[in-house]
Amino acid sequence: MSSAWNSAIISRVVVYSTLMACAVIAMNGCSRYFFYPMKDLIHSPEKAGLTYEDVLVTTQDNVQIHGWLLRADHPKGIVFFLHGNAENISTHIGSVYWLPEQGYDVLLMDYRGYGRSEGTPDFPEVFWDVDAMYDWLKLYAQDKELPVFILGQSLGATIASYYFSQLGNDQRRYEAVVLDSVFSGHQDIAKDVLSRSLITWPFQFVVPLFLPTEYNPKDHVAGFSPTPVLFFHSPDDEILPYEQGRYVYEQAKPPKYWVTSHGPHIATFGHPLYRQILLNFLNDPNTDPQQGVNISPTAPPQTDSSSSHNQK
């Protein structure tokens, strides 16, 4: 009996150790956990009747990054959009295709490995991708005399939280920031995801220790001040916890605004209510964008915005 019991214990230890080792290897490099790129472009601005042009930039490590510039007829600003961790700009365009009709140019970019962008995604290299595209954007906005706004969703909100909050005053060409469904940190979200399954539950105490901490939104979002920041997050979000987004908001300094949206993950701008709040913010970032808006707390979102269950 004792021998059988010991064998069972040893077998279990071996199995769990193997699984844990595999999980650590998979997550230590970040790319397999945080990035789910897709190369094929499913939709195009042309099919949506939008005027656009392809934008190509080269990063500091000589990787070519692709984006789309959606053009408004008479632009009054430009929105730099950073998407979530899955698919590419051809699916995430559903969150922003409506902005040119409202008078805003939109620059969407794919991180390395996504869509037509070269390379393989990982940290810190994705920040080099943003840096190269932002350099292009600054020249474009200066030439057109347009104010710049940053819009990040999910993983894109996390990337934006770190990159743009770290810029010096001479590089802060943007006037306001919007973070939709941001998570508080890489270790935090890994622990949350691993805790959701009995199989992966034990790993929540070890695997997150191998993930980066230097890019956590909760540690950097205060650096945006005095630039206004608008937060959206839905308690219905089954991908990124509402509580994590709220915690990031609490770490930010004024001026800041919080909107409790409703609907699944990153379906925010499929609903006209949240579109109007965003437009109010772009028009006047220093005024609460919910003023004068008839907010229905249970309003169901529309479904024309990307909301893949794998996206962060």
C-alpha atoms as a PDB file:
ATOM      1  CA  MET A   1       0.000   0.000   0.000  1.00  0.00           C
ATOM      2  CA  SER A   2       2.767   2.397   0.956  1.00  0.00           C
ATOM      3  CA  SER A   3       4.684   1.623  -2.236  1.00  0.00           C
ATOM      4  CA  ALA A   4       1.597   2.163  -4.386  1.00  0.00           C
ATOM      5  CA  TRP A   5       0.846   5.431  -2.593  1.00  0.00           C
ATOM      6  CA  ASN A   6       4.384   6.682  -3.098  1.00  0.00           C
ATOM      7  CA  SER A   7       4.253   5.744  -6.766  1.00  0.00           C
ATOM      8  CA  ALA A   8       1.007   7.649  -7.184  1.00  0.00           C
ATOM      9  CA  ILE A   9       2.477  10.709  -5.513  1.00  0.00           C
ATOM     10  CA  ILE A  10       5.624  10.541  -7.629  1.00  0.00           C
ATOM     11  CA  SER A  11       3.593  10.125 -10.818  1.00  0.00           C
ATOM     12  CA  ARG A  12       1.441  13.114  -9.945  1.00  0.00           C
ATOM     13  CA  VAL A  13       4.489  15.225  -9.170  1.00  0.00           C
ATOM     14  CA  VAL A  14       6.076  14.261 -12.484  1.00  0.00           C
ATOM     15  CA  VAL A  15       2.909  15.082 -14.434  1.00  0.00           C
ATOM     16  CA  TYR A  16       2.397  18.446 -12.739  1.00  0.00           C
ATOM     17  CA  SER A  17       6.063  19.318 -13.011  1.00  0.00           C
ATOM     18  CA  THR A  18       6.005  18.549 -16.719  1.00  0.00           C
ATOM     19  CA  LEU A  19       2.877  20.602 -17.273  1.00  0.00           C
ATOM     20  CA  MET A  20       4.296  23.479 -15.257  1.00  0.00           C
ATOM     21  CA  ALA A  21       7.582  23.375 -17.164  1.00  0.00           C
ATOM     22  CA  CYS A  22       5.695  23.455 -20.457  1.00  0.00           C
ATOM     23  CA  ALA A  23       3.567  26.356 -19.252  1.00  0.00           C
ATOM     24  CA  VAL A  24       6.602  28.324 -18.111  1.00  0.00           C
ATOM     25  CA  ILE A  25       8.413  27.740 -21.400  1.00  0.00           C
ATOM     26  CA  ALA A  26       5.346  28.766 -23.343  1.00  0.00           C
ATOM     27  CA  MET A  27       4.722  31.900 -21.310  1.00  0.00           C
ATOM     28  CA  ASN A  28       8.254  33.021 -20.544  1.00  0.00           C
ATOM     29  CA  GLY A  29       8.713  34.465 -24.024  1.00  0.00           C
ATOM     30  CA  CYS A  30       5.273  36.157 -23.858  1.00  0.00           C
ATOM     31  CA  SER A  31       4.504  35.836 -27.564  1.00  0.00           C
ATOM     32  CA  ARG A  32       2.601  32.561 -27.378  1.00  0.00           C
ATOM     33  CA  TYR A  33       0.459  33.801 -24.510  1.00  0.00           C
ATOM     34  CA  PHE A  34      -0.173  37.452 -25.225  1.00  0.00           C
ATOM     35  CA  PHE A  35      -0.132  37.452 -29.018  1.00  0.00           C
ATOM     36  CA  TYR A  36      -2.413  35.553 -31.398  1.00  0.00           C
ATOM     37  CA  PRO A  37      -1.620  37.051 -34.823  1.00  0.00           C
ATOM     38  CA  MET A  38      -3.450  36.290 -38.035  1.00  0.00           C
ATOM     39  CA  LYS A  39      -1.851  36.957 -41.420  1.00  0.00           C
ATOM     40  CA  ASP A  40      -4.914  36.886 -43.683  1.00  0.00           C
ATOM     41  CA  LEU A  41      -6.823  40.144 -44.085  1.00  0.00           C
ATOM     42  CA  ILE A  42     -10.531  39.351 -43.786  1.00  0.00           C
ATOM     43  CA  HIS A  43     -12.052  42.780 -44.417  1.00  0.00           C
ATOM     44  CA  SER A  44     -10.774  45.917 -46.113  1.00  0.00           C
ATOM     45  CA  PRO A  45     -11.610  49.631 -45.873  1.00  0.00           C
ATOM     46  CA  GLU A  46     -12.470  49.562 -49.563  1.00  0.00           C
ATOM     47  CA  LYS A  47     -15.244  47.010 -48.989  1.00  0.00           C
ATOM     48  CA  ALA A  48     -16.642  49.318 -46.320  1.00  0.00           C
ATOM     49  CA  GLY A  49     -16.656  52.237 -48.762  1.00  0.00           C
ATOM     50  CA  LEU A  50     -13.863  54.058 -46.944  1.00  0.00           C
ATOM     51  CA  THR A  51     -11.138  56.184 -48.469  1.00  0.00           C
ATOM     52  CA  TYR A  52      -7.806  54.892 -47.243  1.00  0.00           C
ATOM     53  CA  GLU A  53      -4.152  54.343 -47.971  1.00  0.00           C
ATOM     54  CA  ASP A  54      -1.604  51.777 -46.888  1.00  0.00           C
ATOM     55  CA  VAL A  55       1.106  52.988 -44.525  1.00  0.00           C
ATOM     56  CA  LEU A  56       4.475  51.214 -44.297  1.00  0.00           C
ATOM     57  CA  VAL A  57       7.166  52.076 -41.751  1.00  0.00           C
ATOM     58  CA  THR A  58      10.434  50.445 -40.714  1.00  0.00           C
ATOM     59  CA  THR A  59      11.377  49.843 -37.091  1.00  0.00           C
ATOM     60  CA  GLN A  60      14.742  50.345 -35.411  1.00  0.00           C
ATOM     61  CA  ASP A  61      15.509  46.633 -35.928  1.00  0.00           C
ATOM     62  CA  ASN A  62      14.601  46.842 -39.636  1.00  0.00           C
ATOM     63  CA  VAL A  63      11.164  45.199 -39.506  1.00  0.00           C
ATOM     64  CA  GLN A  64       8.483  46.545 -41.848  1.00  0.00           C
ATOM     65  CA  ILE A  65       5.184  47.419 -40.157  1.00  0.00           C
ATOM     66  CA  HIS A  66       1.916  47.873 -42.024  1.00  0.00           C
ATOM     67  CA  GLY A  67      -1.077  50.030 -41.254  1.00  0.00           C
ATOM     68  CA  TRP A  68      -4.126  51.666 -42.792  1.00  0.00           C
ATOM     69  CA  LEU A  69      -4.904  55.367 -42.789  1.00  0.00           C
ATOM     70  CA  LEU A  70      -8.678  55.890 -42.977  1.00  0.00           C
ATOM     71  CA  ARG A  71      -9.378  59.348 -44.329  1.00  0.00           C
ATOM     72  CA  ALA A  72     -12.190  61.720 -43.412  1.00  0.00           C
ATOM     73  CA  ASP A  73     -13.364  64.262 -45.993  1.00  0.00           C
ATOM     74  CA  HIS A  74     -12.642  67.229 -43.746  1.00  0.00           C
ATOM     75  CA  PRO A  75     -10.697  65.882 -40.762  1.00  0.00           C
ATOM     76  CA  LYS A  76     -10.711  67.693 -37.448  1.00  0.00           C
ATOM     77  CA  GLY A  77      -8.346  65.235 -35.791  1.00  0.00           C
ATOM     78  CA  ILE A  78      -6.661  61.850 -36.153  1.00  0.00           C
ATOM     79  CA  VAL A  79      -7.089  58.791 -33.932  1.00  0.00           C
ATOM     80  CA  PHE A  80      -4.172  56.382 -33.538  1.00  0.00           C
ATOM     81  CA  PHE A  81      -5.774  52.968 -32.893  1.00  0.00           C
ATOM     82  CA  LEU A  82      -3.947  50.071 -31.217  1.00  0.00           C
ATOM     83  CA  HIS A  83      -5.886  46.803 -31.378  1.00  0.00           C
ATOM     84  CA  GLY A  84      -6.083  43.722 -29.139  1.00  0.00           C
ATOM     85  CA  ASN A  85      -3.979  40.583 -29.141  1.00  0.00           C
ATOM     86  CA  ALA A  86      -5.797  38.441 -31.716  1.00  0.00           C
ATOM     87  CA  GLU A  87      -6.326  38.551 -35.488  1.00  0.00           C
ATOM     88  CA  ASN A  88      -5.314  41.863 -37.164  1.00  0.00           C
ATOM     89  CA  ILE A  89      -6.540  45.279 -38.298  1.00  0.00           C
ATOM     90  CA  SER A  90      -8.916  43.725 -40.841  1.00  0.00           C
ATOM     91  CA  THR A  91     -11.155  42.450 -38.031  1.00  0.00           C
ATOM     92  CA  HIS A  92     -10.511  45.215 -35.504  1.00  0.00           C
ATOM     93  CA  ILE A  93     -11.501  47.853 -38.050  1.00  0.00           C
ATOM     94  CA  GLY A  94     -15.032  47.191 -36.784  1.00  0.00           C
ATOM     95  CA  SER A  95     -14.262  49.328 -33.754  1.00  0.00           C
ATOM     96  CA  VAL A  96     -13.249  52.455 -35.654  1.00  0.00           C
ATOM     97  CA  TYR A  97     -14.591  52.381 -39.244  1.00  0.00           C
ATOM     98  CA  TRP A  98     -17.339  54.842 -38.281  1.00  0.00           C
ATOM     99  CA  LEU A  99     -14.973  57.601 -37.144  1.00  0.00           C
ATOM    100  CA  PRO A 100     -14.098  59.070 -40.601  1.00  0.00           C
ATOM    101  CA  GLU A 101     -17.769  59.844 -41.163  1.00  0.00           C
ATOM    102  CA  GLN A 102     -17.638  61.805 -37.896  1.00  0.00           C
ATOM    103  CA  GLY A 103     -14.680  63.856 -39.116  1.00  0.00           C
ATOM    104  CA  TYR A 104     -11.695  61.914 -37.799  1.00  0.00           C
ATOM    105  CA  ASP A 105      -8.872  60.285 -39.699  1.00  0.00           C
ATOM    106  CA  VAL A 106      -7.886  56.932 -38.188  1.00  0.00           C
ATOM    107  CA  LEU A 107      -4.483  55.271 -38.287  1.00  0.00           C
ATOM    108  CA  LEU A 108      -4.637  51.532 -37.564  1.00  0.00           C
ATOM    109  CA  MET A 109      -1.453  49.484 -37.301  1.00  0.00           C
ATOM    110  CA  ASP A 110      -0.604  45.809 -37.071  1.00  0.00           C
ATOM    111  CA  TYR A 111       2.126  44.787 -34.668  1.00  0.00           C
ATOM    112  CA  ARG A 112       4.928  42.653 -36.072  1.00  0.00           C
ATOM    113  CA  GLY A 113       3.666  39.244 -37.163  1.00  0.00           C
ATOM    114  CA  TYR A 114       0.101  40.471 -37.691  1.00  0.00           C
ATOM    115  CA  GLY A 115      -1.448  40.964 -41.144  1.00  0.00           C
ATOM    116  CA  ARG A 116       1.088  42.397 -43.579  1.00  0.00           C
ATOM    117  CA  SER A 117       3.592  43.331 -40.887  1.00  0.00           C
ATOM    118  CA  GLU A 118       6.824  41.371 -40.821  1.00  0.00           C
ATOM    119  CA  GLY A 119       8.474  39.660 -37.870  1.00  0.00           C
ATOM    120  CA  THR A 120       7.303  37.867 -34.738  1.00  0.00           C
ATOM    121  CA  PRO A 121       5.501  39.686 -31.901  1.00  0.00           C
ATOM    122  CA  ASP A 122       7.009  39.941 -28.433  1.00  0.00           C
ATOM    123  CA  PHE A 123       7.977  42.462 -25.786  1.00  0.00           C
ATOM    124  CA  PRO A 124       9.674  44.902 -25.993  1.00  0.00           C
ATOM    125  CA  GLU A 125       9.730  44.746 -29.814  1.00  0.00           C
ATOM    126  CA  VAL A 126       6.052  45.708 -30.204  1.00  0.00           C
ATOM    127  CA  PHE A 127       6.900  49.058 -28.646  1.00  0.00           C
ATOM    128  CA  TRP A 128       9.408  49.588 -31.454  1.00  0.00           C
ATOM    129  CA  ASP A 129       6.540  48.979 -33.889  1.00  0.00           C
ATOM    130  CA  VAL A 130       4.401  51.616 -32.190  1.00  0.00           C
ATOM    131  CA  ASP A 131       7.351  53.984 -32.084  1.00  0.00           C
ATOM    132  CA  ALA A 132       7.945  53.731 -35.840  1.00  0.00           C
ATOM    133  CA  MET A 133       4.275  54.262 -36.695  1.00  0.00           C
ATOM    134  CA  TYR A 134       3.969  57.116 -34.202  1.00  0.00           C
ATOM    135  CA  ASP A 135       6.908  58.874 -35.871  1.00  0.00           C
ATOM    136  CA  TRP A 136       5.021  58.685 -39.167  1.00  0.00           C
ATOM    137  CA  LEU A 137       1.839  59.918 -37.494  1.00  0.00           C
ATOM    138  CA  LYS A 138       3.510  62.951 -35.940  1.00  0.00           C
ATOM    139  CA  LEU A 139       4.746  64.147 -39.326  1.00  0.00           C
ATOM    140  CA  TYR A 140       1.361  63.550 -40.929  1.00  0.00           C
ATOM    141  CA  ALA A 141      -0.533  65.349 -38.156  1.00  0.00           C
ATOM    142  CA  GLN A 142       1.897  68.265 -38.231  1.00  0.00           C
ATOM    143  CA  ASP A 143       1.539  68.623 -41.988  1.00  0.00           C
ATOM    144  CA  LYS A 144      -2.279  68.497 -41.788  1.00  0.00           C
ATOM    145  CA  GLU A 145      -2.405  70.546 -38.563  1.00  0.00           C
ATOM    146  CA  LEU A 146      -4.508  67.890 -36.825  1.00  0.00           C
ATOM    147  CA  PRO A 147      -4.774  67.102 -33.119  1.00  0.00           C
ATOM    148  CA  VAL A 148      -3.812  63.517 -32.243  1.00  0.00           C
ATOM    149  CA  PHE A 149      -5.776  61.124 -30.039  1.00  0.00           C
ATOM    150  CA  ILE A 150      -4.705  57.688 -28.821  1.00  0.00           C
ATOM    151  CA  LEU A 151      -7.224  54.817 -28.662  1.00  0.00           C
ATOM    152  CA  GLY A 152      -6.108  51.446 -27.306  1.00  0.00           C
ATOM    153  CA  GLN A 153      -8.274  48.376 -26.839  1.00  0.00           C
ATOM    154  CA  SER A 154      -7.448  45.383 -24.660  1.00  0.00           C
ATOM    155  CA  LEU A 155      -3.775  44.499 -25.208  1.00  0.00           C
ATOM    156  CA  GLY A 156      -3.566  47.689 -27.297  1.00  0.00           C
ATOM    157  CA  ALA A 157      -4.685  49.664 -24.229  1.00  0.00           C
ATOM    158  CA  THR A 158      -1.937  48.006 -22.229  1.00  0.00           C
ATOM    159  CA  ILE A 159       0.668  48.804 -24.878  1.00  0.00           C
ATOM    160  CA  ALA A 160      -0.577  52.403 -25.087  1.00  0.00           C
ATOM    161  CA  SER A 161      -0.502  52.757 -21.289  1.00  0.00           C
ATOM    162  CA  TYR A 162       3.198  52.043 -21.176  1.00  0.00           C
ATOM    163  CA  TYR A 163       4.498  53.545 -24.410  1.00  0.00           C
ATOM    164  CA  PHE A 164       2.681  56.866 -24.454  1.00  0.00           C
ATOM    165  CA  SER A 165       2.933  57.550 -20.723  1.00  0.00           C
ATOM    166  CA  GLN A 166       6.732  57.236 -20.936  1.00  0.00           C
ATOM    167  CA  LEU A 167       7.217  59.818 -23.682  1.00  0.00           C
ATOM    168  CA  GLY A 168       8.894  63.091 -22.855  1.00  0.00           C
ATOM    169  CA  ASN A 169       6.991  66.344 -23.217  1.00  0.00           C
ATOM    170  CA  ASP A 170       8.684  67.075 -26.528  1.00  0.00           C
ATOM    171  CA  GLN A 171       7.267  63.825 -27.970  1.00  0.00           C
ATOM    172  CA  ARG A 172       3.737  64.155 -26.600  1.00  0.00           C
ATOM    173  CA  ARG A 173       2.004  65.176 -29.785  1.00  0.00           C
ATOM    174  CA  TYR A 174      -1.285  63.638 -28.572  1.00  0.00           C
ATOM    175  CA  GLU A 175      -4.016  65.574 -26.755  1.00  0.00           C
ATOM    176  CA  ALA A 176      -5.986  62.774 -25.083  1.00  0.00           C
ATOM    177  CA  VAL A 177      -5.966  59.026 -24.489  1.00  0.00           C
ATOM    178  CA  VAL A 178      -8.756  56.423 -24.532  1.00  0.00           C
ATOM    179  CA  LEU A 179      -8.247  53.015 -22.895  1.00  0.00           C
ATOM    180  CA  ASP A 180     -10.913  50.392 -23.546  1.00  0.00           C
ATOM    181  CA  SER A 181     -10.767  47.132 -21.554  1.00  0.00           C
ATOM    182  CA  VAL A 182      -7.274  47.537 -20.144  1.00  0.00           C
ATOM    183  CA  PHE A 183      -5.822  44.948 -17.772  1.00  0.00           C
ATOM    184  CA  SER A 184      -3.703  45.902 -14.785  1.00  0.00           C
ATOM    185  CA  GLY A 185      -0.557  43.890 -15.489  1.00  0.00           C
ATOM    186  CA  HIS A 186       0.835  40.869 -17.303  1.00  0.00           C
ATOM    187  CA  GLN A 187       1.257  38.838 -14.143  1.00  0.00           C
ATOM    188  CA  ASP A 188      -2.210  39.844 -12.942  1.00  0.00           C
ATOM    189  CA  ILE A 189      -4.020  38.696 -16.077  1.00  0.00           C
ATOM    190  CA  ALA A 190      -1.968  35.491 -16.303  1.00  0.00           C
ATOM    191  CA  LYS A 191      -2.879  34.611 -12.728  1.00  0.00           C
ATOM    192  CA  ASP A 192      -6.533  35.358 -13.418  1.00  0.00           C
ATOM    193  CA  VAL A 193      -6.633  33.192 -16.549  1.00  0.00           C
ATOM    194  CA  LEU A 194      -4.805  30.277 -14.926  1.00  0.00           C
ATOM    195  CA  SER A 195      -7.120  30.364 -11.898  1.00  0.00           C
ATOM    196  CA  ARG A 196     -10.195  29.758 -14.063  1.00  0.00           C
ATOM    197  CA  SER A 197      -9.498  26.046 -14.626  1.00  0.00           C
ATOM    198  CA  LEU A 198      -8.844  23.237 -12.179  1.00  0.00           C
ATOM    199  CA  ILE A 199      -6.153  21.934 -14.509  1.00  0.00           C
ATOM    200  CA  THR A 200      -4.189  25.180 -14.611  1.00  0.00           C
ATOM    201  CA  TRP A 201      -5.123  26.438 -11.125  1.00  0.00           C
ATOM    202  CA  PRO A 202      -1.822  25.360  -9.453  1.00  0.00           C
ATOM    203  CA  PHE A 203       0.205  27.209 -12.098  1.00  0.00           C
ATOM    204  CA  GLN A 204      -1.152  30.622 -11.105  1.00  0.00           C
ATOM    205  CA  PHE A 205       1.352  30.744  -8.270  1.00  0.00           C
ATOM    206  CA  VAL A 206       4.422  30.033 -10.406  1.00  0.00           C
ATOM    207  CA  VAL A 207       3.954  30.918 -14.073  1.00  0.00           C
ATOM    208  CA  PRO A 208       3.212  34.647 -13.549  1.00  0.00           C
ATOM    209  CA  LEU A 209       6.601  35.017 -11.869  1.00  0.00           C
ATOM    210  CA  PHE A 210       8.218  34.501 -15.272  1.00  0.00           C
ATOM    211  CA  LEU A 211       6.237  37.272 -16.978  1.00  0.00           C
ATOM    212  CA  PRO A 212       7.349  40.897 -17.356  1.00  0.00           C
ATOM    213  CA  THR A 213       6.359  43.501 -14.797  1.00  0.00           C
ATOM    214  CA  GLU A 214       7.975  46.581 -16.298  1.00  0.00           C
ATOM    215  CA  TYR A 215       5.081  47.287 -18.701  1.00  0.00           C
ATOM    216  CA  ASN A 216       2.166  47.105 -16.234  1.00  0.00           C
ATOM    217  CA  PRO A 217      -0.486  49.784 -16.895  1.00  0.00           C
ATOM    218  CA  LYS A 218      -1.190  50.093 -13.173  1.00  0.00           C
ATOM    219  CA  ASP A 219       2.387  51.266 -12.650  1.00  0.00           C
ATOM    220  CA  HIS A 220       2.537  53.770 -15.517  1.00  0.00           C
ATOM    221  CA  VAL A 221      -0.916  55.213 -16.157  1.00  0.00           C
ATOM    222  CA  ALA A 222      -0.298  58.062 -13.709  1.00  0.00           C
ATOM    223  CA  GLY A 223       2.385  59.235 -16.107  1.00  0.00           C
ATOM    224  CA  PHE A 224      -0.240  60.496 -18.555  1.00  0.00           C
ATOM    225  CA  SER A 225      -1.063  63.449 -16.309  1.00  0.00           C
ATOM    226  CA  PRO A 226      -1.966  66.176 -17.147  1.00  0.00           C
ATOM    227  CA  THR A 227      -3.243  64.608 -20.390  1.00  0.00           C
ATOM    228  CA  PRO A 228      -6.938  63.605 -20.100  1.00  0.00           C
ATOM    229  CA  VAL A 229      -7.649  59.861 -20.114  1.00  0.00           C
ATOM    230  CA  LEU A 230     -11.008  58.188 -20.775  1.00  0.00           C
ATOM    231  CA  PHE A 231     -11.603  54.604 -19.605  1.00  0.00           C
ATOM    232  CA  PHE A 232     -14.223  52.131 -20.818  1.00  0.00           C
ATOM    233  CA  HIS A 233     -14.759  48.691 -19.309  1.00  0.00           C
ATOM    234  CA  SER A 234     -17.710  46.318 -19.193  1.00  0.00           C
ATOM    235  CA  PRO A 235     -18.617  44.161 -16.192  1.00  0.00           C
ATOM    236  CA  ASP A 236     -19.853  41.669 -18.810  1.00  0.00           C
ATOM    237  CA  ASP A 237     -16.284  41.262 -20.108  1.00  0.00           C
ATOM    238  CA  GLU A 238     -15.383  37.565 -19.752  1.00  0.00           C
ATOM    239  CA  ILE A 239     -11.849  38.007 -21.099  1.00  0.00           C
ATOM    240  CA  LEU A 240     -10.354  40.824 -19.015  1.00  0.00           C
ATOM    241  CA  PRO A 241     -11.745  41.433 -15.525  1.00  0.00           C
ATOM    242  CA  TYR A 242     -13.679  44.631 -14.963  1.00  0.00           C
ATOM    243  CA  GLU A 243     -11.954  44.998 -11.584  1.00  0.00           C
ATOM    244  CA  GLN A 244      -8.533  45.197 -13.239  1.00  0.00           C
ATOM    245  CA  GLY A 245      -9.633  48.007 -15.519  1.00  0.00           C
ATOM    246  CA  ARG A 246     -11.124  49.866 -12.600  1.00  0.00           C
ATOM    247  CA  TYR A 247      -7.910  49.464 -10.620  1.00  0.00           C
ATOM    248  CA  VAL A 248      -5.889  50.994 -13.457  1.00  0.00           C
ATOM    249  CA  TYR A 249      -8.322  53.919 -13.521  1.00  0.00           C
ATOM    250  CA  GLU A 250      -7.815  54.436  -9.788  1.00  0.00           C
ATOM    251  CA  GLN A 251      -4.059  54.710 -10.314  1.00  0.00           C
ATOM    252  CA  ALA A 252      -4.477  57.410 -12.967  1.00  0.00           C
ATOM    253  CA  LYS A 253      -4.343  61.090 -12.091  1.00  0.00           C
ATOM    254  CA  PRO A 254      -6.893  63.724 -13.119  1.00  0.00           C
ATOM    255  CA  PRO A 255      -8.210  64.636 -15.527  1.00  0.00           C
ATOM    256  CA  LYS A 256      -9.661  61.154 -15.967  1.00  0.00           C
ATOM    257  CA  TYR A 257     -13.107  59.750 -16.753  1.00  0.00           C
ATOM    258  CA  TRP A 258     -14.663  56.321 -16.197  1.00  0.00           C
ATOM    259  CA  VAL A 259     -17.440  54.757 -18.271  1.00  0.00           C
ATOM    260  CA  THR A 260     -19.023  51.468 -17.245  1.00  0.00           C
ATOM    261  CA  SER A 261     -19.931  50.044 -20.618  1.00  0.00           C
ATOM    262  CA  HIS A 262     -21.965  46.904 -21.268  1.00  0.00           C
ATOM    263  CA  GLY A 263     -21.583  43.984 -23.608  1.00  0.00           C
ATOM    264  CA  PRO A 264     -18.831  41.468 -24.386  1.00  0.00           C
ATOM    265  CA  HIS A 265     -15.116  42.133 -24.657  1.00  0.00           C
ATOM    266  CA  ILE A 266     -14.191  45.119 -26.912  1.00  0.00           C
ATOM    267  CA  ALA A 267     -17.705  45.407 -28.326  1.00  0.00           C
ATOM    268  CA  THR A 268     -17.814  48.944 -26.888  1.00  0.00           C
ATOM    269  CA  PHE A 269     -18.007  50.974 -30.068  1.00  0.00           C
ATOM    270  CA  GLY A 270     -20.643  48.794 -31.645  1.00  0.00           C
ATOM    271  CA  HIS A 271     -23.119  50.773 -29.536  1.00  0.00           C
ATOM    272  CA  PRO A 272     -24.156  54.340 -30.431  1.00  0.00           C
ATOM    273  CA  LEU A 273     -24.147  55.420 -26.780  1.00  0.00           C
ATOM    274  CA  TYR A 274     -20.444  54.732 -26.320  1.00  0.00           C
ATOM    275  CA  ARG A 275     -19.658  56.149 -29.725  1.00  0.00           C
ATOM    276  CA  GLN A 276     -21.260  59.413 -28.660  1.00  0.00           C
ATOM    277  CA  ILE A 277     -19.316  59.464 -25.394  1.00  0.00           C
ATOM    278  CA  LEU A 278     -16.100  58.942 -27.348  1.00  0.00           C
ATOM    279  CA  LEU A 279     -16.986  61.744 -29.771  1.00  0.00           C
ATOM    280  CA  ASN A 280     -17.763  64.076 -26.864  1.00  0.00           C
ATOM    281  CA  PHE A 281     -14.345  63.318 -25.395  1.00  0.00           C
ATOM    282  CA  LEU A 282     -12.522  63.905 -28.679  1.00  0.00           C
ATOM    283  CA  ASN A 283     -14.340  67.202 -29.089  1.00  0.00           C
ATOM    284  CA  ASP A 284     -13.493  68.404 -25.574  1.00  0.00           C
ATOM    285  CA  PRO A 285     -11.150  66.153 -23.557  1.00  0.00           C
ATOM    286  CA  ASN A 286     -11.269  68.413 -20.509  1.00  0.00           C
ATOM    287  CA  THR A 287     -15.015  67.982 -19.950  1.00  0.00           C
ATOM    288  CA  ASP A 288     -16.764  64.866 -18.649  1.00  0.00           C
ATOM    289  CA  PRO A 289     -17.917  63.190 -21.894  1.00  0.00           C
ATOM    290  CA  GLN A 290     -20.971  61.687 -20.187  1.00  0.00           C
ATOM    291  CA  GLN A 291     -22.507  65.103 -19.489  1.00  0.00           C
ATOM    292  CA  GLY A 292     -25.777  65.482 -21.337  1.00  0.00           C
ATOM    293  CA  VAL A 293     -25.776  61.865 -22.496  1.00  0.00           C
ATOM    294  CA  ASN A 294     -28.811  59.728 -21.706  1.00  0.00           C
ATOM    295  CA  ILE A 295     -27.043  56.660 -20.342  1.00  0.00           C
ATOM    296  CA  SER A 296     -28.951  53.385 -20.331  1.00  0.00           C
ATOM    297  CA  PRO A 297     -26.986  51.058 -18.035  1.00  0.00           C
ATOM    298  CA  THR A 298     -28.448  47.899 -19.552  1.00  0.00           C
ATOM    299  CA  ALA A 299     -28.284  48.924 -23.197  1.00  0.00           C
ATOM    300  CA  PRO A 300     -27.239  45.903 -25.283  1.00  0.00           C
ATOM    301  CA  PRO A 301     -24.324  46.469 -27.647  1.00  0.00           C
ATOM    302  CA  GLN A 302     -24.526  46.040 -31.385  1.00  0.00           C
ATOM    303  CA  THR A 303     -22.325  43.386 -32.967  1.00  0.00           C
ATOM    304  CA  ASP A 304     -20.320  45.206 -35.633  1.00  0.00           C
ATOM    305  CA  SER A 305     -17.240  45.483 -33.399  1.00  0.00           C
ATOM    306  CA  SER A 306     -14.685  42.697 -33.119  1.00  0.00           C
ATOM    307  CA  SER A 307     -15.120  40.650 -29.944  1.00  0.00           C
ATOM    308  CA  SER A 308     -13.201  37.410 -30.363  1.00  0.00           C
ATOM    309  CA  HIS A 309     -13.080  35.368 -27.157  1.00  0.00           C
ATOM    310  CA  ASN A 310      -9.324  34.926 -27.582  1.00  0.00           C
ATOM    311  CA  GLN A 311      -8.612  38.626 -27.670  1.00  0.00           C
ATOM    312  CA  LYS A 312      -6.920  40.641 -24.980  1.00  0.00           C
END
